[in-house]
C-alpha atoms as a PDB file:
ATOM      1  CA  UNK A   1       0.000   0.000   0.000  1.00  0.00           C
ATOM      2  CA  UNK A   2       1.453   3.396  -1.024  1.00  0.00           C
ATOM      3  CA  UNK A   3       0.926   5.707   1.890  1.00  0.00           C
ATOM      4  CA  UNK A   4       1.535   8.855  -0.238  1.00  0.00           C
ATOM      5  CA  UNK A   5      -1.864   8.330  -1.870  1.00  0.00           C
ATOM      6  CA  UNK A   6      -3.870   8.077   1.338  1.00  0.00           C
ATOM      7  CA  UNK A   7      -5.876  11.087   2.533  1.00  0.00           C
ATOM      8  CA  UNK A   8      -4.466  11.025   6.054  1.00  0.00           C
ATOM      9  CA  UNK A   9      -0.943  11.704   4.768  1.00  0.00           C
ATOM     10  CA  UNK A  10      -1.898  15.034   3.190  1.00  0.00           C
ATOM     11  CA  UNK A  11      -4.095  15.943   6.169  1.00  0.00           C
ATOM     12  CA  UNK A  12      -1.435  15.436   8.818  1.00  0.00           C
ATOM     13  CA  UNK A  13       1.939  16.017   7.161  1.00  0.00           C
ATOM     14  CA  UNK A  14       3.141  19.058   5.198  1.00  0.00           C
ATOM     15  CA  UNK A  15       5.431  16.915   3.072  1.00  0.00           C
ATOM     16  CA  UNK A  16       6.269  13.240   2.595  1.00  0.00           C
ATOM     17  CA  UNK A  17       5.591  11.041   5.590  1.00  0.00           C
ATOM     18  CA  UNK A  18       8.880  10.193   7.370  1.00  0.00           C
ATOM     19  CA  UNK A  19       9.831   6.636   6.541  1.00  0.00           C
ATOM     20  CA  UNK A  20      10.446   5.689  10.192  1.00  0.00           C
ATOM     21  CA  UNK A  21       6.762   6.407  10.935  1.00  0.00           C
ATOM     22  CA  UNK A  22       5.573   4.074   8.175  1.00  0.00           C
ATOM     23  CA  UNK A  23       7.961   1.128   8.156  1.00  0.00           C
ATOM     24  CA  UNK A  24       9.476  -0.595  11.169  1.00  0.00           C
ATOM     25  CA  UNK A  25      13.059  -1.573  11.885  1.00  0.00           C
ATOM     26  CA  UNK A  26      12.713  -5.190  10.668  1.00  0.00           C
ATOM     27  CA  UNK A  27       9.878  -4.656   8.192  1.00  0.00           C
ATOM     28  CA  UNK A  28       7.234  -6.561  10.152  1.00  0.00           C
ATOM     29  CA  UNK A  29       5.134  -3.470  10.891  1.00  0.00           C
ATOM     30  CA  UNK A  30       3.591  -1.110   8.338  1.00  0.00           C
ATOM     31  CA  UNK A  31       1.424   1.935   8.956  1.00  0.00           C
ATOM     32  CA  UNK A  32      -1.923   1.459   7.202  1.00  0.00           C
ATOM     33  CA  UNK A  33      -4.120   4.277   8.456  1.00  0.00           C
ATOM     34  CA  UNK A  34      -4.114   7.313  10.702  1.00  0.00           C
ATOM     35  CA  UNK A  35      -7.550   8.098  12.136  1.00  0.00           C
ATOM     36  CA  UNK A  36      -8.045  11.816  12.602  1.00  0.00           C
ATOM     37  CA  UNK A  37      -7.462  14.855  10.437  1.00  0.00           C
ATOM     38  CA  UNK A  38      -7.827  18.616  10.710  1.00  0.00           C
ATOM     39  CA  UNK A  39     -11.566  18.225  10.147  1.00  0.00           C
ATOM     40  CA  UNK A  40     -12.408  14.930  11.861  1.00  0.00           C
ATOM     41  CA  UNK A  41     -10.475  14.555  15.075  1.00  0.00           C
ATOM     42  CA  UNK A  42     -11.001  14.078  18.794  1.00  0.00           C
ATOM     43  CA  UNK A  43     -10.749  17.249  20.833  1.00  0.00           C
ATOM     44  CA  UNK A  44      -8.349  15.589  23.271  1.00  0.00           C
ATOM     45  CA  UNK A  45      -6.064  12.587  23.571  1.00  0.00           C
ATOM     46  CA  UNK A  46      -7.497   9.207  22.596  1.00  0.00           C
ATOM     47  CA  UNK A  47      -7.685   7.021  25.700  1.00  0.00           C
ATOM     48  CA  UNK A  48      -8.935   3.706  24.304  1.00  0.00           C
ATOM     49  CA  UNK A  49      -9.971   1.919  21.104  1.00  0.00           C
ATOM     50  CA  UNK A  50     -11.210  -1.389  19.736  1.00  0.00           C
ATOM     51  CA  UNK A  51     -11.839  -2.995  16.352  1.00  0.00           C
ATOM     52  CA  UNK A  52     -15.067  -4.676  15.252  1.00  0.00           C
ATOM     53  CA  UNK A  53     -14.800  -8.499  15.014  1.00  0.00           C
ATOM     54  CA  UNK A  54     -15.243  -8.389  11.208  1.00  0.00           C
ATOM     55  CA  UNK A  55     -12.583  -5.688  10.926  1.00  0.00           C
ATOM     56  CA  UNK A  56     -14.828  -3.197   9.140  1.00  0.00           C
ATOM     57  CA  UNK A  57     -15.063  -0.585  11.894  1.00  0.00           C
ATOM     58  CA  UNK A  58     -12.908   0.903  14.633  1.00  0.00           C
ATOM     59  CA  UNK A  59     -14.194   2.685  17.743  1.00  0.00           C
ATOM     60  CA  UNK A  60     -12.181   5.250  19.703  1.00  0.00           C
ATOM     61  CA  UNK A  61     -12.849   6.974  23.032  1.00  0.00           C
ATOM     62  CA  UNK A  62     -11.321  10.330  23.824  1.00  0.00           C
ATOM     63  CA  UNK A  63     -10.599  12.759  26.602  1.00  0.00           C
ATOM     64  CA  UNK A  64     -13.146  15.049  24.898  1.00  0.00           C
ATOM     65  CA  UNK A  65     -16.017  12.827  26.235  1.00  0.00           C
ATOM     66  CA  UNK A  66     -16.737  11.522  22.712  1.00  0.00           C
ATOM     67  CA  UNK A  67     -16.967   8.035  21.225  1.00  0.00           C
ATOM     68  CA  UNK A  68     -16.203   7.945  17.505  1.00  0.00           C
ATOM     69  CA  UNK A  69     -16.781   5.132  15.032  1.00  0.00           C
ATOM     70  CA  UNK A  70     -14.553   4.934  11.961  1.00  0.00           C
ATOM     71  CA  UNK A  71     -14.750   2.958   8.739  1.00  0.00           C
ATOM     72  CA  UNK A  72     -11.731   0.778   8.154  1.00  0.00           C
ATOM     73  CA  UNK A  73      -9.560   0.720   6.085  1.00  0.00           C
ATOM     74  CA  UNK A  74     -10.729   4.015   4.506  1.00  0.00           C
ATOM     75  CA  UNK A  75     -10.528   5.913   7.789  1.00  0.00           C
ATOM     76  CA  UNK A  76     -13.770   7.855   7.247  1.00  0.00           C
ATOM     77  CA  UNK A  77     -15.654   8.852  10.405  1.00  0.00           C
ATOM     78  CA  UNK A  78     -19.052   7.128  10.560  1.00  0.00           C
ATOM     79  CA  UNK A  79     -20.456   8.547  13.789  1.00  0.00           C
ATOM     80  CA  UNK A  80     -19.641  10.708  16.801  1.00  0.00           C
ATOM     81  CA  UNK A  81     -21.516   9.721  19.983  1.00  0.00           C
ATOM     82  CA  UNK A  82     -21.697  12.491  22.583  1.00  0.00           C
ATOM     83  CA  UNK A  83     -23.815  11.370  25.563  1.00  0.00           C
ATOM     84  CA  UNK A  84     -20.962  10.934  28.059  1.00  0.00           C
ATOM     85  CA  UNK A  85     -20.088  13.656  30.564  1.00  0.00           C
ATOM     86  CA  UNK A  86     -16.500  12.637  31.245  1.00  0.00           C
ATOM     87  CA  UNK A  87     -13.383  11.350  29.436  1.00  0.00           C
ATOM     88  CA  UNK A  88     -13.823   7.885  27.942  1.00  0.00           C
ATOM     89  CA  UNK A  89     -11.714   5.282  29.738  1.00  0.00           C
ATOM     90  CA  UNK A  90     -12.771   2.053  27.946  1.00  0.00           C
ATOM     91  CA  UNK A  91     -14.584   0.952  24.767  1.00  0.00           C
ATOM     92  CA  UNK A  92     -15.435  -2.541  23.529  1.00  0.00           C
ATOM     93  CA  UNK A  93     -17.301  -4.080  20.591  1.00  0.00           C
ATOM     94  CA  UNK A  94     -19.729  -6.896  21.355  1.00  0.00           C
ATOM     95  CA  UNK A  95     -18.833 -10.122  19.479  1.00  0.00           C
ATOM     96  CA  UNK A  96     -21.975  -9.679  17.333  1.00  0.00           C
ATOM     97  CA  UNK A  97     -20.477  -6.472  15.907  1.00  0.00           C
ATOM     98  CA  UNK A  98     -23.820  -4.674  16.183  1.00  0.00           C
ATOM     99  CA  UNK A  99     -23.364  -3.302  19.694  1.00  0.00           C
ATOM    100  CA  UNK A 100     -20.556  -1.567  21.509  1.00  0.00           C
ATOM    101  CA  UNK A 101     -19.934  -0.462  25.091  1.00  0.00           C
ATOM    102  CA  UNK A 102     -18.231   2.591  26.524  1.00  0.00           C
ATOM    103  CA  UNK A 103     -17.261   3.680  30.032  1.00  0.00           C
ATOM    104  CA  UNK A 104     -16.507   7.259  31.046  1.00  0.00           C
ATOM    105  CA  UNK A 105     -14.690   8.656  34.067  1.00  0.00           C
ATOM    106  CA  UNK A 106     -18.014   9.825  35.538  1.00  0.00           C
ATOM    107  CA  UNK A 107     -18.808   6.162  36.264  1.00  0.00           C
ATOM    108  CA  UNK A 108     -21.476   5.644  33.592  1.00  0.00           C
ATOM    109  CA  UNK A 109     -21.549   2.614  31.299  1.00  0.00           C
ATOM    110  CA  UNK A 110     -23.387   2.968  27.980  1.00  0.00           C
ATOM    111  CA  UNK A 111     -24.396   0.446  25.334  1.00  0.00           C
ATOM    112  CA  UNK A 112     -24.752   1.677  21.738  1.00  0.00           C
ATOM    113  CA  UNK A 113     -26.102   0.385  18.446  1.00  0.00           C
ATOM    114  CA  UNK A 114     -23.290   0.554  15.912  1.00  0.00           C
ATOM    115  CA  UNK A 115     -25.611   0.457  12.886  1.00  0.00           C
ATOM    116  CA  UNK A 116     -28.292   2.825  14.226  1.00  0.00           C
ATOM    117  CA  UNK A 117     -25.718   5.018  15.990  1.00  0.00           C
ATOM    118  CA  UNK A 118     -27.899   5.505  19.033  1.00  0.00           C
ATOM    119  CA  UNK A 119     -27.777   4.750  22.744  1.00  0.00           C
ATOM    120  CA  UNK A 120     -29.481   1.519  23.816  1.00  0.00           C
ATOM    121  CA  UNK A 121     -28.919   1.548  27.579  1.00  0.00           C
ATOM    122  CA  UNK A 122     -27.151   3.426  30.370  1.00  0.00           C
ATOM    123  CA  UNK A 123     -25.989   2.029  33.705  1.00  0.00           C
ATOM    124  CA  UNK A 124     -24.528   4.030  36.577  1.00  0.00           C
ATOM    125  CA  UNK A 125     -21.859   2.817  38.966  1.00  0.00           C
ATOM    126  CA  UNK A 126     -21.722   3.693  42.653  1.00  0.00           C
ATOM    127  CA  UNK A 127     -18.788   6.092  42.196  1.00  0.00           C
ATOM    128  CA  UNK A 128     -18.437   9.573  40.763  1.00  0.00           C
ATOM    129  CA  UNK A 129     -14.944   9.017  39.377  1.00  0.00           C
ATOM    130  CA  UNK A 130     -13.809   5.980  37.396  1.00  0.00           C
ATOM    131  CA  UNK A 131     -10.228   6.264  36.074  1.00  0.00           C
ATOM    132  CA  UNK A 132      -9.902   2.559  35.189  1.00  0.00           C
ATOM    133  CA  UNK A 133     -12.258   0.036  33.563  1.00  0.00           C
ATOM    134  CA  UNK A 134     -11.641  -3.259  31.773  1.00  0.00           C
ATOM    135  CA  UNK A 135     -13.841  -5.544  29.674  1.00  0.00           C
ATOM    136  CA  UNK A 136     -13.502  -9.291  29.312  1.00  0.00           C
ATOM    137  CA  UNK A 137     -12.700 -10.514  25.801  1.00  0.00           C
ATOM    138  CA  UNK A 138     -16.278 -11.697  25.203  1.00  0.00           C
ATOM    139  CA  UNK A 139     -17.674  -8.334  26.417  1.00  0.00           C
ATOM    140  CA  UNK A 140     -19.811 -10.060  29.045  1.00  0.00           C
ATOM    141  CA  UNK A 141     -17.886  -8.900  32.086  1.00  0.00           C
ATOM    142  CA  UNK A 142     -16.700  -5.475  33.186  1.00  0.00           C
ATOM    143  CA  UNK A 143     -14.687  -4.383  36.213  1.00  0.00           C
ATOM    144  CA  UNK A 144     -14.448  -0.808  37.489  1.00  0.00           C
ATOM    145  CA  UNK A 145     -11.980   0.783  39.922  1.00  0.00           C
ATOM    146  CA  UNK A 146     -13.628   3.721  41.714  1.00  0.00           C
ATOM    147  CA  UNK A 147     -11.288   5.702  43.996  1.00  0.00           C
ATOM    148  CA  UNK A 148     -13.040   8.085  46.381  1.00  0.00           C
ATOM    149  CA  UNK A 149     -12.330  10.099  49.527  1.00  0.00           C
ATOM    150  CA  UNK A 150     -15.343   8.374  51.071  1.00  0.00           C
ATOM    151  CA  UNK A 151     -13.910   4.915  50.325  1.00  0.00           C
ATOM    152  CA  UNK A 152     -12.440   3.186  47.283  1.00  0.00           C
ATOM    153  CA  UNK A 153     -14.634   0.615  45.545  1.00  0.00           C
ATOM    154  CA  UNK A 154     -14.164  -2.249  43.085  1.00  0.00           C
ATOM    155  CA  UNK A 155     -17.245  -3.206  41.052  1.00  0.00           C
ATOM    156  CA  UNK A 156     -17.919  -6.351  39.007  1.00  0.00           C
ATOM    157  CA  UNK A 157     -20.576  -6.063  36.265  1.00  0.00           C
ATOM    158  CA  UNK A 158     -22.535  -8.530  34.146  1.00  0.00           C
ATOM    159  CA  UNK A 159     -23.160  -6.707  30.857  1.00  0.00           C
ATOM    160  CA  UNK A 160     -25.514  -9.371  29.505  1.00  0.00           C
ATOM    161  CA  UNK A 161     -27.860  -8.759  32.434  1.00  0.00           C
ATOM    162  CA  UNK A 162     -27.001  -5.060  32.646  1.00  0.00           C
ATOM    163  CA  UNK A 163     -26.363  -5.066  36.389  1.00  0.00           C
ATOM    164  CA  UNK A 164     -23.649  -4.820  38.988  1.00  0.00           C
ATOM    165  CA  UNK A 165     -22.898  -8.233  40.483  1.00  0.00           C
ATOM    166  CA  UNK A 166     -20.895  -7.173  43.510  1.00  0.00           C
ATOM    167  CA  UNK A 167     -19.065  -4.257  45.121  1.00  0.00           C
ATOM    168  CA  UNK A 168     -15.854  -4.555  47.132  1.00  0.00           C
ATOM    169  CA  UNK A 169     -13.973  -1.928  49.157  1.00  0.00           C
ATOM    170  CA  UNK A 170     -10.259  -1.156  48.924  1.00  0.00           C
ATOM    171  CA  UNK A 171      -7.705   1.496  49.827  1.00  0.00           C
ATOM    172  CA  UNK A 172      -5.587   2.987  47.032  1.00  0.00           C
ATOM    173  CA  UNK A 173      -3.429   6.088  46.860  1.00  0.00           C
ATOM    174  CA  UNK A 174      -2.538   6.273  43.171  1.00  0.00           C
ATOM    175  CA  UNK A 175      -4.022   3.495  41.068  1.00  0.00           C
ATOM    176  CA  UNK A 176      -2.160   3.305  37.748  1.00  0.00           C
ATOM    177  CA  UNK A 177      -3.153  -0.006  36.172  1.00  0.00           C
ATOM    178  CA  UNK A 178      -5.961  -2.530  35.972  1.00  0.00           C
ATOM    179  CA  UNK A 179      -6.006  -5.854  34.119  1.00  0.00           C
ATOM    180  CA  UNK A 180      -8.752  -8.448  33.745  1.00  0.00           C
ATOM    181  CA  UNK A 181      -8.171 -12.118  33.062  1.00  0.00           C
ATOM    182  CA  UNK A 182      -9.544 -12.891  29.537  1.00  0.00           C
ATOM    183  CA  UNK A 183     -12.188 -15.225  30.981  1.00  0.00           C
ATOM    184  CA  UNK A 184     -13.265 -12.493  33.383  1.00  0.00           C
ATOM    185  CA  UNK A 185     -12.611 -14.465  36.573  1.00  0.00           C
ATOM    186  CA  UNK A 186      -9.792 -12.487  38.166  1.00  0.00           C
ATOM    187  CA  UNK A 187      -8.660  -8.867  38.109  1.00  0.00           C
ATOM    188  CA  UNK A 188      -5.350  -7.340  39.092  1.00  0.00           C
ATOM    189  CA  UNK A 189      -4.469  -3.733  39.837  1.00  0.00           C
ATOM    190  CA  UNK A 190      -1.343  -1.773  40.709  1.00  0.00           C
ATOM    191  CA  UNK A 191      -0.788   1.312  42.869  1.00  0.00           C
ATOM    192  CA  UNK A 192       2.333   3.307  41.977  1.00  0.00           C
ATOM    193  CA  UNK A 193       2.499   5.409  45.136  1.00  0.00           C
ATOM    194  CA  UNK A 194       2.094   2.612  47.660  1.00  0.00           C
ATOM    195  CA  UNK A 195       3.835   0.148  45.315  1.00  0.00           C
ATOM    196  CA  UNK A 196       1.585  -2.865  45.628  1.00  0.00           C
ATOM    197  CA  UNK A 197      -0.361  -5.275  43.438  1.00  0.00           C
ATOM    198  CA  UNK A 198      -3.808  -6.569  44.319  1.00  0.00           C
ATOM    199  CA  UNK A 199      -5.667  -9.663  43.113  1.00  0.00           C
ATOM    200  CA  UNK A 200      -9.490  -9.525  43.060  1.00  0.00           C
ATOM    201  CA  UNK A 201     -12.179 -12.064  42.283  1.00  0.00           C
ATOM    202  CA  UNK A 202     -13.966 -10.368  39.385  1.00  0.00           C
ATOM    203  CA  UNK A 203     -17.213 -12.230  40.042  1.00  0.00           C
ATOM    204  CA  UNK A 204     -17.677 -11.549  43.751  1.00  0.00           C
ATOM    205  CA  UNK A 205     -15.589  -8.332  44.065  1.00  0.00           C
ATOM    206  CA  UNK A 206     -13.559  -9.978  46.841  1.00  0.00           C
ATOM    207  CA  UNK A 207      -9.924  -9.015  47.348  1.00  0.00           C
ATOM    208  CA  UNK A 208      -7.788 -12.152  47.280  1.00  0.00           C
ATOM    209  CA  UNK A 209      -4.396 -10.697  48.124  1.00  0.00           C
ATOM    210  CA  UNK A 210      -2.348  -7.524  48.414  1.00  0.00           C
ATOM    211  CA  UNK A 211       1.284  -7.997  47.420  1.00  0.00           C
ATOM    212  CA  UNK A 212       4.024  -5.346  47.895  1.00  0.00           C
ATOM    213  CA  UNK A 213       5.659  -4.713  44.533  1.00  0.00           C
ATOM    214  CA  UNK A 214       9.104  -5.183  46.100  1.00  0.00           C
ATOM    215  CA  UNK A 215       8.198  -8.579  47.555  1.00  0.00           C
ATOM    216  CA  UNK A 216      10.630 -11.411  46.969  1.00  0.00           C
ATOM    217  CA  UNK A 217       8.881 -14.165  48.862  1.00  0.00           C
ATOM    218  CA  UNK A 218       6.328 -16.609  47.458  1.00  0.00           C
ATOM    219  CA  UNK A 219       2.691 -15.886  48.237  1.00  0.00           C
ATOM    220  CA  UNK A 220       1.572 -19.451  48.849  1.00  0.00           C
ATOM    221  CA  UNK A 221      -1.821 -18.591  50.295  1.00  0.00           C
ATOM    222  CA  UNK A 222      -3.240 -17.585  46.926  1.00  0.00           C
ATOM    223  CA  UNK A 223      -5.117 -19.936  44.576  1.00  0.00           C
ATOM    224  CA  UNK A 224      -2.885 -21.715  42.084  1.00  0.00           C
ATOM    225  CA  UNK A 225      -3.792 -19.446  39.170  1.00  0.00           C
ATOM    226  CA  UNK A 226      -2.914 -16.288  41.066  1.00  0.00           C
ATOM    227  CA  UNK A 227       0.287 -17.146  42.895  1.00  0.00           C
ATOM    228  CA  UNK A 228       3.160 -14.797  42.370  1.00  0.00           C
ATOM    229  CA  UNK A 229       6.733 -15.038  43.490  1.00  0.00           C
ATOM    230  CA  UNK A 230       8.901 -12.028  42.752  1.00  0.00           C
ATOM    231  CA  UNK A 231       7.155  -8.828  41.709  1.00  0.00           C
ATOM    232  CA  UNK A 232       8.838  -5.818  40.150  1.00  0.00           C
ATOM    233  CA  UNK A 233      10.807  -3.703  42.582  1.00  0.00           C
ATOM    234  CA  UNK A 234       9.326  -0.378  41.482  1.00  0.00           C
ATOM    235  CA  UNK A 235       6.201   1.411  40.398  1.00  0.00           C
ATOM    236  CA  UNK A 236       3.819  -0.624  38.234  1.00  0.00           C
ATOM    237  CA  UNK A 237       2.589   1.340  35.203  1.00  0.00           C
ATOM    238  CA  UNK A 238       0.678  -1.200  33.080  1.00  0.00           C
ATOM    239  CA  UNK A 239      -0.529  -4.813  33.259  1.00  0.00           C
ATOM    240  CA  UNK A 240      -1.554  -7.375  30.627  1.00  0.00           C
ATOM    241  CA  UNK A 241      -2.874 -10.884  31.236  1.00  0.00           C
ATOM    242  CA  UNK A 242      -1.884 -13.622  28.779  1.00  0.00           C
ATOM    243  CA  UNK A 243      -4.942 -14.813  26.783  1.00  0.00           C
ATOM    244  CA  UNK A 244      -4.562 -18.522  27.506  1.00  0.00           C
ATOM    245  CA  UNK A 245      -2.014 -19.153  30.234  1.00  0.00           C
ATOM    246  CA  UNK A 246      -1.099 -18.008  33.745  1.00  0.00           C
ATOM    247  CA  UNK A 247       1.350 -15.392  32.474  1.00  0.00           C
ATOM    248  CA  UNK A 248       1.232 -11.751  33.472  1.00  0.00           C
ATOM    249  CA  UNK A 249       3.207  -8.967  31.801  1.00  0.00           C
ATOM    250  CA  UNK A 250       3.810  -5.726  33.662  1.00  0.00           C
ATOM    251  CA  UNK A 251       5.755  -2.558  32.936  1.00  0.00           C
ATOM    252  CA  UNK A 252       7.690  -0.589  35.531  1.00  0.00           C
ATOM    253  CA  UNK A 253       8.527   3.052  35.954  1.00  0.00           C
ATOM    254  CA  UNK A 254      12.152   2.443  34.975  1.00  0.00           C
ATOM    255  CA  UNK A 255      11.092   1.181  31.517  1.00  0.00           C
ATOM    256  CA  UNK A 256      11.514  -2.524  32.261  1.00  0.00           C
ATOM    257  CA  UNK A 257       8.864  -5.011  31.140  1.00  0.00           C
ATOM    258  CA  UNK A 258       8.635  -8.217  33.163  1.00  0.00           C
ATOM    259  CA  UNK A 259       6.878 -11.469  32.323  1.00  0.00           C
ATOM    260  CA  UNK A 260       5.780 -13.693  35.221  1.00  0.00           C
ATOM    261  CA  UNK A 261       4.503 -17.218  35.385  1.00  0.00           C
ATOM    262  CA  UNK A 262       1.853 -16.923  38.095  1.00  0.00           C
ATOM    263  CA  UNK A 263       1.397 -20.679  38.449  1.00  0.00           C
ATOM    264  CA  UNK A 264       5.088 -21.462  38.960  1.00  0.00           C
ATOM    265  CA  UNK A 265       5.722 -18.248  40.879  1.00  0.00           C
ATOM    266  CA  UNK A 266       8.774 -17.171  38.926  1.00  0.00           C
ATOM    267  CA  UNK A 267      10.009 -14.483  36.573  1.00  0.00           C
ATOM    268  CA  UNK A 268      10.327 -15.663  32.957  1.00  0.00           C
ATOM    269  CA  UNK A 269      11.604 -12.627  31.086  1.00  0.00           C
ATOM    270  CA  UNK A 270      12.774  -9.068  31.653  1.00  0.00           C
ATOM    271  CA  UNK A 271      12.986  -6.641  28.737  1.00  0.00           C
ATOM    272  CA  UNK A 272      14.765  -3.279  28.674  1.00  0.00           C
ATOM    273  CA  UNK A 273      13.982  -1.894  25.217  1.00  0.00           C
ATOM    274  CA  UNK A 274      12.191   1.303  26.288  1.00  0.00           C
ATOM    275  CA  UNK A 275      13.972   4.415  27.535  1.00  0.00           C
ATOM    276  CA  UNK A 276      10.856   5.509  29.443  1.00  0.00           C
ATOM    277  CA  UNK A 277       7.895   3.729  31.057  1.00  0.00           C
ATOM    278  CA  UNK A 278       5.747   1.564  28.785  1.00  0.00           C
ATOM    279  CA  UNK A 279       2.293   3.089  29.188  1.00  0.00           C
ATOM    280  CA  UNK A 280       0.432   0.234  27.503  1.00  0.00           C
ATOM    281  CA  UNK A 281       0.787  -3.530  27.025  1.00  0.00           C
ATOM    282  CA  UNK A 282      -1.260  -5.910  24.868  1.00  0.00           C
ATOM    283  CA  UNK A 283      -1.082  -9.579  23.857  1.00  0.00           C
ATOM    284  CA  UNK A 284      -1.970 -10.994  20.470  1.00  0.00           C
ATOM    285  CA  UNK A 285      -4.972 -13.320  20.414  1.00  0.00           C
ATOM    286  CA  UNK A 286      -2.778 -16.428  20.254  1.00  0.00           C
ATOM    287  CA  UNK A 287      -0.441 -15.171  22.985  1.00  0.00           C
ATOM    288  CA  UNK A 288       2.661 -15.420  20.788  1.00  0.00           C
ATOM    289  CA  UNK A 289       3.369 -11.680  20.677  1.00  0.00           C
ATOM    290  CA  UNK A 290       3.437  -8.999  23.376  1.00  0.00           C
ATOM    291  CA  UNK A 291       3.221  -5.371  22.263  1.00  0.00           C
ATOM    292  CA  UNK A 292       4.480  -2.511  24.419  1.00  0.00           C
ATOM    293  CA  UNK A 293       4.003   1.217  23.809  1.00  0.00           C
ATOM    294  CA  UNK A 294       6.329   3.588  25.617  1.00  0.00           C
ATOM    295  CA  UNK A 295       6.403   7.193  26.767  1.00  0.00           C
ATOM    296  CA  UNK A 296       9.494   7.384  24.574  1.00  0.00           C
ATOM    297  CA  UNK A 297       7.257   7.170  21.475  1.00  0.00           C
ATOM    298  CA  UNK A 298       8.254   3.635  20.470  1.00  0.00           C
ATOM    299  CA  UNK A 299       6.325   0.430  19.855  1.00  0.00           C
ATOM    300  CA  UNK A 300       7.933  -2.968  20.460  1.00  0.00           C
ATOM    301  CA  UNK A 301       6.728  -6.436  19.471  1.00  0.00           C
ATOM    302  CA  UNK A 302       8.266  -9.026  21.813  1.00  0.00           C
ATOM    303  CA  UNK A 303       8.733 -12.779  21.491  1.00  0.00           C
ATOM    304  CA  UNK A 304       7.826 -14.195  24.939  1.00  0.00           C
ATOM    305  CA  UNK A 305       9.625 -17.491  24.279  1.00  0.00           C
ATOM    306  CA  UNK A 306      13.031 -16.040  23.382  1.00  0.00           C
ATOM    307  CA  UNK A 307      12.804 -12.662  25.083  1.00  0.00           C
ATOM    308  CA  UNK A 308      13.956 -10.912  21.916  1.00  0.00           C
ATOM    309  CA  UNK A 309      11.996  -8.198  20.066  1.00  0.00           C
ATOM    310  CA  UNK A 310      10.391  -9.180  16.772  1.00  0.00           C
ATOM    311  CA  UNK A 311      10.382  -5.544  15.709  1.00  0.00           C
ATOM    312  CA  UNK A 312      10.144  -1.924  16.836  1.00  0.00           C
ATOM    313  CA  UNK A 313       8.729   1.282  15.417  1.00  0.00           C
ATOM    314  CA  UNK A 314       8.555   5.025  16.086  1.00  0.00           C
ATOM    315  CA  UNK A 315       5.090   6.466  16.759  1.00  0.00           C
ATOM    316  CA  UNK A 316       4.323  10.112  16.082  1.00  0.00           C
ATOM    317  CA  UNK A 317       1.879  10.923  18.866  1.00  0.00           C
ATOM    318  CA  UNK A 318       2.915   9.104  22.072  1.00  0.00           C
ATOM    319  CA  UNK A 319       0.666   6.013  22.404  1.00  0.00           C
ATOM    320  CA  UNK A 320      -1.536   5.590  25.475  1.00  0.00           C
ATOM    321  CA  UNK A 321      -3.267   2.289  24.683  1.00  0.00           C
ATOM    322  CA  UNK A 322      -2.570  -0.522  22.201  1.00  0.00           C
ATOM    323  CA  UNK A 323      -4.776  -3.321  20.884  1.00  0.00           C
ATOM    324  CA  UNK A 324      -3.771  -6.401  18.848  1.00  0.00           C
ATOM    325  CA  UNK A 325      -6.538  -7.975  16.707  1.00  0.00           C
ATOM    326  CA  UNK A 326      -5.545 -10.530  14.088  1.00  0.00           C
ATOM    327  CA  UNK A 327      -2.836  -8.906  11.974  1.00  0.00           C
ATOM    328  CA  UNK A 328      -3.804  -5.374  13.029  1.00  0.00           C
ATOM    329  CA  UNK A 329      -2.121  -3.290  15.716  1.00  0.00           C
ATOM    330  CA  UNK A 330      -4.066  -0.251  16.933  1.00  0.00           C
ATOM    331  CA  UNK A 331      -2.519   2.592  18.904  1.00  0.00           C
ATOM    332  CA  UNK A 332      -4.509   5.298  20.733  1.00  0.00           C
ATOM    333  CA  UNK A 333      -2.343   8.416  20.932  1.00  0.00           C
ATOM    334  CA  UNK A 334      -2.032  11.564  23.008  1.00  0.00           C
ATOM    335  CA  UNK A 335      -1.986  13.831  19.940  1.00  0.00           C
ATOM    336  CA  UNK A 336      -5.746  13.158  19.296  1.00  0.00           C
ATOM    337  CA  UNK A 337      -5.066  10.595  16.550  1.00  0.00           C
ATOM    338  CA  UNK A 338      -5.141   6.806  16.377  1.00  0.00           C
ATOM    339  CA  UNK A 339      -2.795   4.777  14.213  1.00  0.00           C
ATOM    340  CA  UNK A 340      -3.435   1.366  12.683  1.00  0.00           C
ATOM    341  CA  UNK A 341      -0.619  -0.928  11.595  1.00  0.00           C
ATOM    342  CA  UNK A 342      -0.420  -4.258   9.817  1.00  0.00           C
ATOM    343  CA  UNK A 343       2.044  -6.672  11.351  1.00  0.00           C
ATOM    344  CA  UNK A 344       3.316 -10.067  10.218  1.00  0.00           C
END
């Protein structure tokens, strides 16, 4: 695909697109589309995004309180949904491709019709501020972290029934990350100020364990699938649960990315490719590739078996969230754009 002929190139660059933004170091990544132009663009940084199961649409959620649906691969905006009253923190397509969900920082969860471009339902959490939310892969489960001066809460939701299943109470100072097991059974969160990790049952909203992030001893009291041995000695920035096994990837404030085997309670890999914290982590559907997006403006694709990078690429826009779907890599960026890559 010749990027010089695509509309986004003329809309976002005064001259030719720099080659390092289009082709990766080893040629395994190629920039296909940049969502956003001078006319159609979020009014703030893009916080989250997802791709429709058929690959024909992409949804983005921005700091401007808007949810936008884009046609892919053309990049034309299909709809702009404006009902939210806070920055969007999570978006997810339903597997049927006809519905999508969004969560804003005001604690409201909304379900939309993609084809009719209208709101189908609204649910309200028990908190007024929701900085972190995560969907299960099948879009049936949702977990919310709701810090508050009156008491921090963790909520587990059943989206099929449209109701909150359970509410748990916690105590967090600066929650920076939240990850949900793909099956929706267990959640994990990290606090960068207090430097701890917490395991939660995502069905009953029960806290299973609180582990200091400098711990070196085995936590044998946890269930087998959530045991952890040596956690990163530093502030946890992002978390990503492996799609099929008991592996957990986490990024630290010093730029290191660590892969743990939770069942065997041991560290498997430690990567040092980024010069700044990796703000986002994502696994491919088959679990063979881990993607990291750093504050240094670089994307890495890692091989979890060898510990070596498959490839790396410069991103113009500082990515905040990444998604891997099939052979597509999506990056939600601070500069109000979203970039879509093809990888092989």
